[in-house]
Amino acid sequence: MPTYYNYGDAIKGERIICQFRKISKPRTISGTHAHRALEITLDDAYCVIRKPFRRV
């Protein structure tokens, strides 16, 4: 399984498991249509996709 380290690298999945040292305060951002989503920043993080999207 490749590990990505460069700026702009991304992962996308239905369920993502993360290990990290520090978490930021959640911020509300706009999601799809009238729904809102949360955004957080993880410092020194390692993430793995546990459940990939069924459709892309």
N, C-alpha and C. Protein backbone atom coordinates (compact mmCIF):
# COMPACT_ATOMS: atom_id res chain seq x y z
N MET A 1 0.85 -1.16 0.00
CA MET A 1 0.00 0.00 0.00
C MET A 1 0.91 1.24 0.00
N PRO A 2 0.71 2.14 -0.95
CA PRO A 2 1.56 3.33 -0.98
C PRO A 2 1.21 4.31 0.14
N THR A 3 2.19 5.06 0.56
CA THR A 3 2.00 6.14 1.53
C THR A 3 2.40 7.43 0.85
N TYR A 4 1.54 8.44 0.92
CA TYR A 4 1.78 9.70 0.25
C TYR A 4 2.25 10.75 1.25
N TYR A 5 3.28 11.51 0.88
CA TYR A 5 3.89 12.47 1.79
C TYR A 5 3.87 13.90 1.28
N ASN A 6 3.59 14.13 0.02
CA ASN A 6 3.75 15.45 -0.59
C ASN A 6 2.53 16.34 -0.39
N TYR A 7 2.76 17.65 -0.47
CA TYR A 7 1.69 18.65 -0.35
C TYR A 7 0.64 18.40 -1.43
N GLY A 8 -0.61 18.41 -1.05
CA GLY A 8 -1.69 18.23 -2.01
C GLY A 8 -2.11 16.78 -2.21
N ASP A 9 -1.36 15.81 -1.66
CA ASP A 9 -1.78 14.41 -1.75
C ASP A 9 -3.06 14.23 -0.95
N ALA A 10 -3.96 13.39 -1.43
CA ALA A 10 -5.25 13.23 -0.77
C ALA A 10 -5.66 11.77 -0.74
N ILE A 11 -6.52 11.44 0.23
CA ILE A 11 -7.17 10.14 0.28
C ILE A 11 -8.67 10.39 0.39
N LYS A 12 -9.46 9.45 -0.10
CA LYS A 12 -10.91 9.60 -0.04
C LYS A 12 -11.52 8.23 0.20
N GLY A 13 -12.41 8.13 1.16
CA GLY A 13 -13.05 6.87 1.46
C GLY A 13 -14.30 7.09 2.29
N GLU A 14 -15.10 6.06 2.41
CA GLU A 14 -16.32 6.15 3.20
C GLU A 14 -16.00 6.16 4.69
N ARG A 15 -14.97 5.43 5.08
CA ARG A 15 -14.53 5.41 6.48
C ARG A 15 -13.01 5.45 6.49
N ILE A 16 -12.45 6.44 7.19
CA ILE A 16 -11.00 6.63 7.26
C ILE A 16 -10.59 6.62 8.72
N ILE A 17 -9.59 5.82 9.05
CA ILE A 17 -9.08 5.71 10.41
C ILE A 17 -7.78 6.51 10.49
N CYS A 18 -7.64 7.35 11.52
CA CYS A 18 -6.46 8.20 11.66
C CYS A 18 -5.82 8.01 13.02
N GLN A 19 -4.49 8.09 13.01
CA GLN A 19 -3.72 8.20 14.25
C GLN A 19 -3.02 9.55 14.17
N PHE A 20 -3.08 10.32 15.24
CA PHE A 20 -2.51 11.66 15.18
C PHE A 20 -2.10 12.11 16.57
N ARG A 21 -1.29 13.14 16.62
CA ARG A 21 -0.80 13.68 17.88
C ARG A 21 -1.69 14.79 18.42
N LYS A 22 -2.27 15.61 17.55
CA LYS A 22 -3.03 16.77 18.00
C LYS A 22 -4.16 17.04 17.03
N ILE A 23 -5.31 17.47 17.55
CA ILE A 23 -6.47 17.78 16.73
C ILE A 23 -6.87 19.24 16.97
N SER A 24 -7.31 19.90 15.90
CA SER A 24 -7.75 21.29 16.03
C SER A 24 -9.23 21.34 16.40
N LYS A 25 -9.69 22.53 16.72
CA LYS A 25 -11.10 22.73 17.02
C LYS A 25 -11.91 22.56 15.73
N PRO A 26 -13.01 21.80 15.75
CA PRO A 26 -13.82 21.63 14.53
C PRO A 26 -14.40 22.95 14.03
N ARG A 27 -14.38 23.13 12.70
CA ARG A 27 -14.95 24.32 12.05
C ARG A 27 -16.09 23.86 11.15
N THR A 28 -17.17 24.62 11.12
CA THR A 28 -18.30 24.32 10.25
C THR A 28 -18.01 24.90 8.86
N ILE A 29 -18.18 24.05 7.84
CA ILE A 29 -17.99 24.49 6.45
C ILE A 29 -19.24 24.10 5.67
N SER A 30 -19.40 24.66 4.49
CA SER A 30 -20.57 24.31 3.68
C SER A 30 -20.34 22.95 3.04
N GLY A 31 -21.38 22.14 3.05
CA GLY A 31 -21.34 20.83 2.42
C GLY A 31 -22.21 20.85 1.18
N THR A 32 -22.81 19.73 0.85
CA THR A 32 -23.68 19.67 -0.33
C THR A 32 -25.03 20.30 -0.02
N HIS A 33 -25.50 21.15 -0.89
CA HIS A 33 -26.80 21.83 -0.78
C HIS A 33 -26.93 22.55 0.56
N ALA A 34 -27.95 22.26 1.35
CA ALA A 34 -28.18 22.95 2.62
C ALA A 34 -27.46 22.26 3.78
N HIS A 35 -26.80 21.15 3.53
CA HIS A 35 -26.13 20.41 4.60
C HIS A 35 -24.80 21.07 4.94
N ARG A 36 -24.42 20.96 6.19
CA ARG A 36 -23.15 21.50 6.64
C ARG A 36 -22.23 20.35 7.00
N ALA A 37 -20.95 20.61 6.95
CA ALA A 37 -19.95 19.60 7.29
C ALA A 37 -18.97 20.21 8.28
N LEU A 38 -18.18 19.36 8.91
CA LEU A 38 -17.15 19.82 9.84
C LEU A 38 -15.78 19.59 9.22
N GLU A 39 -14.86 20.47 9.56
CA GLU A 39 -13.48 20.34 9.09
C GLU A 39 -12.57 20.44 10.30
N ILE A 40 -11.58 19.55 10.38
CA ILE A 40 -10.58 19.59 11.44
C ILE A 40 -9.21 19.44 10.81
N THR A 41 -8.20 19.83 11.56
CA THR A 41 -6.82 19.66 11.13
C THR A 41 -6.15 18.68 12.08
N LEU A 42 -5.49 17.67 11.53
CA LEU A 42 -4.75 16.69 12.33
C LEU A 42 -3.27 16.97 12.17
N ASP A 43 -2.55 17.09 13.27
CA ASP A 43 -1.11 17.30 13.22
C ASP A 43 -0.39 15.96 13.38
N ASP A 44 0.66 15.75 12.59
CA ASP A 44 1.45 14.51 12.60
C ASP A 44 0.54 13.29 12.45
N ALA A 45 -0.22 13.25 11.36
CA ALA A 45 -1.26 12.23 11.18
C ALA A 45 -0.84 11.14 10.21
N TYR A 46 -1.41 9.96 10.40
CA TYR A 46 -1.29 8.82 9.50
C TYR A 46 -2.70 8.27 9.33
N CYS A 47 -3.20 8.23 8.10
CA CYS A 47 -4.59 7.81 7.86
C CYS A 47 -4.62 6.61 6.92
N VAL A 48 -5.59 5.73 7.15
CA VAL A 48 -5.79 4.53 6.34
C VAL A 48 -7.26 4.42 6.01
N ILE A 49 -7.57 4.10 4.76
CA ILE A 49 -8.97 3.88 4.35
C ILE A 49 -9.40 2.50 4.81
N ARG A 50 -10.42 2.44 5.64
CA ARG A 50 -10.96 1.17 6.12
C ARG A 50 -12.12 0.68 5.24
N LYS A 51 -12.83 1.63 4.60
CA LYS A 51 -13.97 1.26 3.77
C LYS A 51 -13.98 2.18 2.55
N PRO A 52 -13.56 1.69 1.38
CA PRO A 52 -13.54 2.54 0.20
C PRO A 52 -14.96 2.85 -0.27
N PHE A 53 -15.09 3.94 -1.06
CA PHE A 53 -16.39 4.26 -1.63
C PHE A 53 -16.83 3.14 -2.56
N ARG A 54 -18.11 2.85 -2.56
CA ARG A 54 -18.64 1.83 -3.47
C ARG A 54 -18.76 2.36 -4.87
N ARG A 55 -18.99 3.68 -4.99
CA ARG A 55 -19.07 4.31 -6.30
C ARG A 55 -18.31 5.62 -6.25
N VAL A 56 -17.73 5.97 -7.35
CA VAL A 56 -16.92 7.19 -7.38
C VAL A 56 -17.54 8.20 -8.30
